[in-house]
Amino acid sequence: MSIEDYCTDHLLLLVGANPLPNLVAARLLLRPGGVLHLIHSSDTAAVAARLQKHLARESDVRLMEPIKETQAADILQKVDRCVRELKGTVGLNYTGGTKAMAVHAYRAVE
Protein backbone atom coordinates (compact mmCIF):
# COMPACT_ATOMS: atom_id res chain seq x y z
CA MET A 1 0.00 0.00 0.00
CA SER A 2 1.17 3.53 -0.76
CA ILE A 3 0.12 6.97 0.47
CA GLU A 4 -1.97 7.42 -2.70
CA ASP A 5 -4.30 4.68 -1.39
CA TYR A 6 -5.26 7.03 1.44
CA CYS A 7 -5.79 10.19 -0.64
CA THR A 8 -9.31 11.63 -0.93
CA ASP A 9 -11.29 14.03 -3.10
CA HIS A 10 -12.43 15.99 -0.05
CA LEU A 11 -10.26 16.30 3.04
CA LEU A 12 -11.72 17.69 6.25
CA LEU A 13 -9.05 19.11 8.54
CA LEU A 14 -9.64 19.98 12.18
CA VAL A 15 -7.62 23.13 12.79
CA GLY A 16 -5.83 23.62 16.09
CA ALA A 17 -3.28 26.13 17.34
CA ASN A 18 -0.41 24.44 15.47
CA PRO A 19 -0.91 24.58 11.69
CA LEU A 20 1.96 22.21 10.85
CA PRO A 21 -0.03 18.93 11.17
CA ASN A 22 -2.72 20.38 8.89
CA LEU A 23 -0.19 21.50 6.31
CA VAL A 24 1.44 18.05 6.21
CA ALA A 25 -1.93 16.24 6.06
CA ALA A 26 -3.18 18.51 3.26
CA ARG A 27 -0.13 17.92 1.13
CA LEU A 28 -0.09 14.17 1.69
CA LEU A 29 -3.77 13.17 1.77
CA LEU A 30 -5.57 15.35 -0.78
CA ARG A 31 -5.84 14.14 -4.36
CA PRO A 32 -4.84 16.59 -7.10
CA GLY A 33 -7.89 18.71 -7.86
CA GLY A 34 -9.39 17.88 -4.46
CA VAL A 35 -11.00 20.23 -1.97
CA LEU A 36 -9.82 21.02 1.56
CA HIS A 37 -12.42 21.85 4.20
CA LEU A 38 -11.02 23.63 7.25
CA ILE A 39 -13.03 23.02 10.41
CA HIS A 40 -12.13 25.48 13.15
CA SER A 41 -13.40 27.21 16.26
CA SER A 42 -13.47 30.94 16.84
CA ASP A 43 -10.20 30.53 18.79
CA THR A 44 -8.45 29.00 15.77
CA ALA A 45 -10.07 31.12 13.05
CA ALA A 46 -6.87 33.12 12.46
CA VAL A 47 -4.82 29.92 12.05
CA ALA A 48 -7.44 28.55 9.63
CA ALA A 49 -7.37 31.78 7.61
CA ARG A 50 -3.57 31.60 7.33
CA LEU A 51 -3.77 27.96 6.25
CA GLN A 52 -6.42 28.84 3.67
CA LYS A 53 -4.27 31.64 2.25
CA HIS A 54 -1.18 29.43 2.10
CA LEU A 55 -2.84 26.30 0.70
CA ALA A 56 -5.06 28.15 -1.80
CA ARG A 57 -2.06 28.30 -4.14
CA GLU A 58 -2.22 24.51 -4.44
CA SER A 59 -5.85 23.51 -3.82
CA ASP A 60 -9.43 24.65 -3.49
CA VAL A 61 -9.72 25.48 0.22
CA ARG A 62 -13.04 26.10 1.94
CA LEU A 63 -13.29 27.64 5.37
CA MET A 64 -16.30 26.41 7.34
CA GLU A 65 -18.12 28.69 9.75
CA PRO A 66 -16.64 28.42 13.26
CA ILE A 67 -17.87 25.55 15.40
CA LYS A 68 -18.42 25.62 19.12
CA GLU A 69 -15.65 23.19 20.03
CA THR A 70 -17.23 21.98 23.27
CA GLN A 71 -20.77 21.51 21.98
CA ALA A 72 -21.33 18.09 20.45
CA ALA A 73 -24.57 19.05 18.70
CA ASP A 74 -22.95 22.04 16.97
CA ILE A 75 -19.99 19.98 15.77
CA LEU A 76 -22.21 17.16 14.51
CA GLN A 77 -24.63 19.50 12.76
CA LYS A 78 -22.06 21.63 10.94
CA VAL A 79 -19.81 18.77 9.87
CA ASP A 80 -22.79 16.66 8.81
CA ARG A 81 -24.15 19.55 6.73
CA CYS A 82 -20.78 19.90 5.01
CA VAL A 83 -20.34 16.18 4.31
CA ARG A 84 -23.85 15.64 2.89
CA GLU A 85 -23.11 18.04 0.03
CA LEU A 86 -19.88 16.33 -1.05
CA LYS A 87 -19.41 14.03 -4.05
CA GLY A 88 -16.47 11.62 -4.18
CA THR A 89 -14.30 10.26 -1.40
CA VAL A 90 -14.16 12.04 1.95
CA GLY A 91 -11.34 11.90 4.48
CA LEU A 92 -10.99 13.34 7.96
CA ASN A 93 -7.73 14.29 9.61
CA TYR A 94 -8.35 15.07 13.26
CA THR A 95 -4.81 15.68 14.53
CA GLY A 96 -5.36 19.43 14.83
CA GLY A 97 -8.63 19.62 16.76
CA THR A 98 -9.71 19.11 20.33
CA LYS A 99 -10.80 15.70 21.57
CA ALA A 100 -14.46 16.71 21.39
CA MET A 101 -14.02 18.01 17.85
CA ALA A 102 -12.31 14.78 16.79
CA VAL A 103 -14.97 12.49 18.29
CA HIS A 104 -17.99 14.35 16.99
CA ALA A 105 -16.53 15.17 13.57
CA TYR A 106 -15.70 11.47 13.18
CA ARG A 107 -19.27 10.54 14.09
CA ALA A 108 -20.63 12.98 11.51
CA VAL A 109 -18.37 11.67 8.75
CA GLU A 110 -18.99 8.05 9.68
C-alpha atoms as a PDB file:
ATOM      1  CA  MET A   1       0.000   0.000   0.000  1.00  0.00           C
ATOM      2  CA  SER A   2       1.170   3.528  -0.757  1.00  0.00           C
ATOM      3  CA  ILE A   3       0.121   6.967   0.465  1.00  0.00           C
ATOM      4  CA  GLU A   4      -1.975   7.416  -2.702  1.00  0.00           C
ATOM      5  CA  ASP A   5      -4.296   4.684  -1.390  1.00  0.00           C
ATOM      6  CA  TYR A   6      -5.262   7.032   1.440  1.00  0.00           C
ATOM      7  CA  CYS A   7      -5.788  10.185  -0.639  1.00  0.00           C
ATOM      8  CA  THR A   8      -9.306  11.628  -0.932  1.00  0.00           C
ATOM      9  CA  ASP A   9     -11.285  14.032  -3.103  1.00  0.00           C
ATOM     10  CA  HIS A  10     -12.431  15.988  -0.052  1.00  0.00           C
ATOM     11  CA  LEU A  11     -10.265  16.297   3.037  1.00  0.00           C
ATOM     12  CA  LEU A  12     -11.716  17.690   6.246  1.00  0.00           C
ATOM     13  CA  LEU A  13      -9.048  19.108   8.542  1.00  0.00           C
ATOM     14  CA  LEU A  14      -9.636  19.978  12.184  1.00  0.00           C
ATOM     15  CA  VAL A  15      -7.624  23.127  12.787  1.00  0.00           C
ATOM     16  CA  GLY A  16      -5.832  23.625  16.088  1.00  0.00           C
ATOM     17  CA  ALA A  17      -3.282  26.134  17.337  1.00  0.00           C
ATOM     18  CA  ASN A  18      -0.410  24.444  15.472  1.00  0.00           C
ATOM     19  CA  PRO A  19      -0.907  24.577  11.685  1.00  0.00           C
ATOM     20  CA  LEU A  20       1.960  22.206  10.847  1.00  0.00           C
ATOM     21  CA  PRO A  21      -0.028  18.928  11.167  1.00  0.00           C
ATOM     22  CA  ASN A  22      -2.717  20.380   8.885  1.00  0.00           C
ATOM     23  CA  LEU A  23      -0.186  21.497   6.308  1.00  0.00           C
ATOM     24  CA  VAL A  24       1.438  18.054   6.211  1.00  0.00           C
ATOM     25  CA  ALA A  25      -1.926  16.241   6.059  1.00  0.00           C
ATOM     26  CA  ALA A  26      -3.184  18.514   3.264  1.00  0.00           C
ATOM     27  CA  ARG A  27      -0.130  17.917   1.127  1.00  0.00           C
ATOM     28  CA  LEU A  28      -0.094  14.169   1.689  1.00  0.00           C
ATOM     29  CA  LEU A  29      -3.772  13.165   1.768  1.00  0.00           C
ATOM     30  CA  LEU A  30      -5.570  15.355  -0.777  1.00  0.00           C
ATOM     31  CA  ARG A  31      -5.838  14.144  -4.364  1.00  0.00           C
ATOM     32  CA  PRO A  32      -4.838  16.587  -7.101  1.00  0.00           C
ATOM     33  CA  GLY A  33      -7.894  18.713  -7.860  1.00  0.00           C
ATOM     34  CA  GLY A  34      -9.393  17.880  -4.458  1.00  0.00           C
ATOM     35  CA  VAL A  35     -11.004  20.235  -1.969  1.00  0.00           C
ATOM     36  CA  LEU A  36      -9.819  21.024   1.559  1.00  0.00           C
ATOM     37  CA  HIS A  37     -12.419  21.850   4.200  1.00  0.00           C
ATOM     38  CA  LEU A  38     -11.020  23.631   7.246  1.00  0.00           C
ATOM     39  CA  ILE A  39     -13.026  23.021  10.414  1.00  0.00           C
ATOM     40  CA  HIS A  40     -12.125  25.478  13.149  1.00  0.00           C
ATOM     41  CA  SER A  41     -13.398  27.212  16.257  1.00  0.00           C
ATOM     42  CA  SER A  42     -13.474  30.945  16.843  1.00  0.00           C
ATOM     43  CA  ASP A  43     -10.198  30.534  18.789  1.00  0.00           C
ATOM     44  CA  THR A  44      -8.448  29.001  15.774  1.00  0.00           C
ATOM     45  CA  ALA A  45     -10.071  31.122  13.046  1.00  0.00           C
ATOM     46  CA  ALA A  46      -6.871  33.116  12.457  1.00  0.00           C
ATOM     47  CA  VAL A  47      -4.825  29.920  12.053  1.00  0.00           C
ATOM     48  CA  ALA A  48      -7.442  28.550   9.632  1.00  0.00           C
ATOM     49  CA  ALA A  49      -7.370  31.780   7.606  1.00  0.00           C
ATOM     50  CA  ARG A  50      -3.572  31.601   7.329  1.00  0.00           C
ATOM     51  CA  LEU A  51      -3.774  27.958   6.245  1.00  0.00           C
ATOM     52  CA  GLN A  52      -6.417  28.842   3.667  1.00  0.00           C
ATOM     53  CA  LYS A  53      -4.272  31.636   2.252  1.00  0.00           C
ATOM     54  CA  HIS A  54      -1.176  29.429   2.096  1.00  0.00           C
ATOM     55  CA  LEU A  55      -2.839  26.297   0.699  1.00  0.00           C
ATOM     56  CA  ALA A  56      -5.064  28.149  -1.802  1.00  0.00           C
ATOM     57  CA  ARG A  57      -2.064  28.302  -4.136  1.00  0.00           C
ATOM     58  CA  GLU A  58      -2.223  24.506  -4.443  1.00  0.00           C
ATOM     59  CA  SER A  59      -5.848  23.511  -3.820  1.00  0.00           C
ATOM     60  CA  ASP A  60      -9.434  24.647  -3.488  1.00  0.00           C
ATOM     61  CA  VAL A  61      -9.722  25.483   0.219  1.00  0.00           C
ATOM     62  CA  ARG A  62     -13.042  26.103   1.945  1.00  0.00           C
ATOM     63  CA  LEU A  63     -13.289  27.639   5.370  1.00  0.00           C
ATOM     64  CA  MET A  64     -16.300  26.409   7.344  1.00  0.00           C
ATOM     65  CA  GLU A  65     -18.119  28.690   9.746  1.00  0.00           C
ATOM     66  CA  PRO A  66     -16.639  28.419  13.259  1.00  0.00           C
ATOM     67  CA  ILE A  67     -17.868  25.551  15.404  1.00  0.00           C
ATOM     68  CA  LYS A  68     -18.422  25.616  19.121  1.00  0.00           C
ATOM     69  CA  GLU A  69     -15.652  23.193  20.027  1.00  0.00           C
ATOM     70  CA  THR A  70     -17.231  21.976  23.270  1.00  0.00           C
ATOM     71  CA  GLN A  71     -20.771  21.509  21.979  1.00  0.00           C
ATOM     72  CA  ALA A  72     -21.328  18.091  20.445  1.00  0.00           C
ATOM     73  CA  ALA A  73     -24.565  19.049  18.698  1.00  0.00           C
ATOM     74  CA  ASP A  74     -22.948  22.042  16.974  1.00  0.00           C
ATOM     75  CA  ILE A  75     -19.989  19.980  15.770  1.00  0.00           C
ATOM     76  CA  LEU A  76     -22.205  17.164  14.508  1.00  0.00           C
ATOM     77  CA  GLN A  77     -24.635  19.500  12.765  1.00  0.00           C
ATOM     78  CA  LYS A  78     -22.057  21.630  10.937  1.00  0.00           C
ATOM     79  CA  VAL A  79     -19.806  18.768   9.870  1.00  0.00           C
ATOM     80  CA  ASP A  80     -22.793  16.660   8.809  1.00  0.00           C
ATOM     81  CA  ARG A  81     -24.153  19.546   6.725  1.00  0.00           C
ATOM     82  CA  CYS A  82     -20.780  19.895   5.010  1.00  0.00           C
ATOM     83  CA  VAL A  83     -20.341  16.176   4.313  1.00  0.00           C
ATOM     84  CA  ARG A  84     -23.849  15.636   2.891  1.00  0.00           C
ATOM     85  CA  GLU A  85     -23.107  18.042   0.033  1.00  0.00           C
ATOM     86  CA  LEU A  86     -19.883  16.332  -1.051  1.00  0.00           C
ATOM     87  CA  LYS A  87     -19.409  14.028  -4.046  1.00  0.00           C
ATOM     88  CA  GLY A  88     -16.471  11.616  -4.181  1.00  0.00           C
ATOM     89  CA  THR A  89     -14.304  10.256  -1.403  1.00  0.00           C
ATOM     90  CA  VAL A  90     -14.163  12.037   1.953  1.00  0.00           C
ATOM     91  CA  GLY A  91     -11.342  11.896   4.483  1.00  0.00           C
ATOM     92  CA  LEU A  92     -10.987  13.342   7.956  1.00  0.00           C
ATOM     93  CA  ASN A  93      -7.731  14.295   9.613  1.00  0.00           C
ATOM     94  CA  TYR A  94      -8.347  15.068  13.257  1.00  0.00           C
ATOM     95  CA  THR A  95      -4.815  15.683  14.534  1.00  0.00           C
ATOM     96  CA  GLY A  96      -5.359  19.433  14.829  1.00  0.00           C
ATOM     97  CA  GLY A  97      -8.626  19.620  16.759  1.00  0.00           C
ATOM     98  CA  THR A  98      -9.708  19.109  20.327  1.00  0.00           C
ATOM     99  CA  LYS A  99     -10.798  15.700  21.573  1.00  0.00           C
ATOM    100  CA  ALA A 100     -14.459  16.710  21.392  1.00  0.00           C
ATOM    101  CA  MET A 101     -14.020  18.005  17.854  1.00  0.00           C
ATOM    102  CA  ALA A 102     -12.307  14.777  16.788  1.00  0.00           C
ATOM    103  CA  VAL A 103     -14.969  12.487  18.287  1.00  0.00           C
ATOM    104  CA  HIS A 104     -17.994  14.352  16.990  1.00  0.00           C
ATOM    105  CA  ALA A 105     -16.533  15.170  13.573  1.00  0.00           C
ATOM    106  CA  TYR A 106     -15.701  11.468  13.180  1.00  0.00           C
ATOM    107  CA  ARG A 107     -19.267  10.543  14.092  1.00  0.00           C
ATOM    108  CA  ALA A 108     -20.629  12.981  11.514  1.00  0.00           C
ATOM    109  CA  VAL A 109     -18.367  11.670   8.751  1.00  0.00           C
ATOM    110  CA  GLU A 110     -18.990   8.051   9.682  1.00  0.00           C
END
